[in-house]
Amino acid sequence: MLFGLFGKMTALEGKREALTANLLRAAELMKQVPGCLLYVVSTSNAEPDAVHVMEIWRDEKAHGASLSIPGVRDLIMETMPLLAGEPEGTRFTPRGGKGLDALGAA
């Protein structure tokens, strides 16, 4: 069963670009992970310090396994000091819709 996450991170004032750069580095790492179908980093026009990440995985186990990829834990440790607070997140189950077939998710 597919597994998804909507994440929101709020950067310390003036640190959004550094946070975005780190999350884009994470997105590059995820390109080598077969179970990661989607990892999109976005900024918010309405919230100048917010960075959002949307992830879709083949299953929750694949997401958990991604934390053991070389470099991921180091990148997390490097990113945490850029945050103004705890990351927010919502887990979801993709059920269908335009684009899932293109991800190889069906």
Protein backbone atom coordinates (compact mmCIF):
# COMPACT_ATOMS: atom_id res chain seq x y z
CA MET A 1 0.00 0.00 0.00
CA LEU A 2 1.36 3.40 -0.96
CA PHE A 3 2.53 5.69 1.83
CA GLY A 4 2.74 9.48 1.74
CA LEU A 5 3.91 12.38 3.82
CA PHE A 6 3.13 16.08 3.65
CA GLY A 7 5.80 17.89 5.64
CA LYS A 8 6.20 21.49 6.64
CA MET A 9 9.34 22.95 8.10
CA THR A 10 9.71 26.52 9.26
CA ALA A 11 13.18 27.98 8.96
CA LEU A 12 14.78 30.40 11.33
CA GLU A 13 14.48 33.92 9.96
CA GLY A 14 16.81 34.32 7.01
CA LYS A 15 17.53 30.58 6.74
CA ARG A 16 14.82 29.46 4.30
CA GLU A 17 17.19 29.26 1.32
CA ALA A 18 19.69 27.15 3.31
CA LEU A 19 16.85 24.88 4.46
CA THR A 20 15.53 24.60 0.91
CA ALA A 21 19.02 23.75 -0.38
CA ASN A 22 19.39 20.96 2.20
CA LEU A 23 15.99 19.50 1.34
CA LEU A 24 16.87 19.59 -2.35
CA ARG A 25 20.04 17.66 -1.48
CA ALA A 26 17.77 15.12 0.24
CA ALA A 27 15.69 14.97 -2.95
CA GLU A 28 18.86 14.15 -4.90
CA LEU A 29 19.65 11.32 -2.48
CA MET A 30 16.11 9.95 -2.92
CA LYS A 31 16.65 9.58 -6.68
CA GLN A 32 18.67 6.42 -5.95
CA VAL A 33 15.95 4.91 -3.75
CA PRO A 34 13.62 2.60 -5.73
CA GLY A 35 10.86 2.82 -3.10
CA CYS A 36 10.70 6.63 -3.27
CA LEU A 37 8.22 7.54 -5.99
CA LEU A 38 8.00 11.27 -5.33
CA TYR A 39 9.97 13.77 -3.23
CA VAL A 40 9.06 17.37 -4.02
CA VAL A 41 10.37 20.42 -2.19
CA SER A 42 8.30 23.63 -2.35
CA THR A 43 8.34 27.07 -0.79
CA SER A 44 5.30 29.04 0.26
CA ASN A 45 4.42 32.51 -0.99
CA ALA A 46 2.13 32.99 2.00
CA GLU A 47 4.69 31.86 4.60
CA PRO A 48 8.12 33.33 3.85
CA ASP A 49 9.97 30.98 6.23
CA ALA A 50 8.10 27.76 5.35
CA VAL A 51 9.36 24.90 3.21
CA HIS A 52 7.07 22.00 2.29
CA VAL A 53 7.99 18.48 1.24
CA MET A 54 5.59 16.02 -0.36
CA GLU A 55 6.70 12.40 -0.47
CA ILE A 56 5.10 9.27 -1.93
CA TRP A 57 6.62 5.87 -1.22
CA ARG A 58 5.83 2.33 -2.36
CA ASP A 59 5.10 1.58 1.31
CA GLU A 60 5.96 2.79 4.79
CA LYS A 61 8.80 0.26 5.07
CA ALA A 62 10.56 1.85 2.08
CA HIS A 63 10.34 5.23 3.78
CA GLY A 64 11.84 3.87 6.98
CA ALA A 65 14.66 2.18 5.07
CA SER A 66 15.60 5.47 3.43
CA LEU A 67 16.90 6.71 6.77
CA SER A 68 19.79 4.22 6.53
CA ILE A 69 21.06 5.51 3.18
CA PRO A 70 24.60 6.91 3.51
CA GLY A 71 24.47 10.65 4.01
CA VAL A 72 20.82 10.90 5.07
CA ARG A 73 21.38 11.01 8.84
CA ASP A 74 24.23 13.52 8.40
CA LEU A 75 21.99 15.72 6.27
CA ILE A 76 19.23 15.55 8.90
CA MET A 77 21.71 16.63 11.61
CA GLU A 78 22.90 19.49 9.40
CA THR A 79 19.34 20.62 8.71
CA MET A 80 17.90 20.61 12.25
CA PRO A 81 19.73 23.81 13.39
CA LEU A 82 18.06 25.72 10.53
CA LEU A 83 14.57 25.05 11.92
CA ALA A 84 12.56 27.43 14.07
CA GLY A 85 10.65 24.52 15.62
CA GLU A 86 9.72 20.89 15.19
CA PRO A 87 8.80 19.79 11.66
CA GLU A 88 5.09 19.32 11.08
CA GLY A 89 3.80 16.40 9.08
CA THR A 90 0.76 14.50 7.93
CA ARG A 91 0.85 10.87 6.86
CA PHE A 92 -1.53 9.89 4.09
CA THR A 93 -2.45 6.99 1.83
CA PRO A 94 -2.54 7.85 -1.87
CA ARG A 95 -5.65 6.23 -3.38
CA GLY A 96 -5.45 7.26 -7.02
CA GLY A 97 -5.51 10.16 -9.39
CA LYS A 98 -3.63 11.75 -12.21
CA GLY A 99 0.10 11.15 -11.97
CA LEU A 100 0.25 8.04 -9.80
CA ASP A 101 0.46 5.78 -12.88
CA ALA A 102 3.37 7.86 -14.19
CA LEU A 103 5.20 7.28 -10.90
CA GLY A 104 4.92 3.53 -11.35
CA ALA A 105 2.72 3.48 -8.27
CA ALA A 106 -0.22 1.58 -9.74
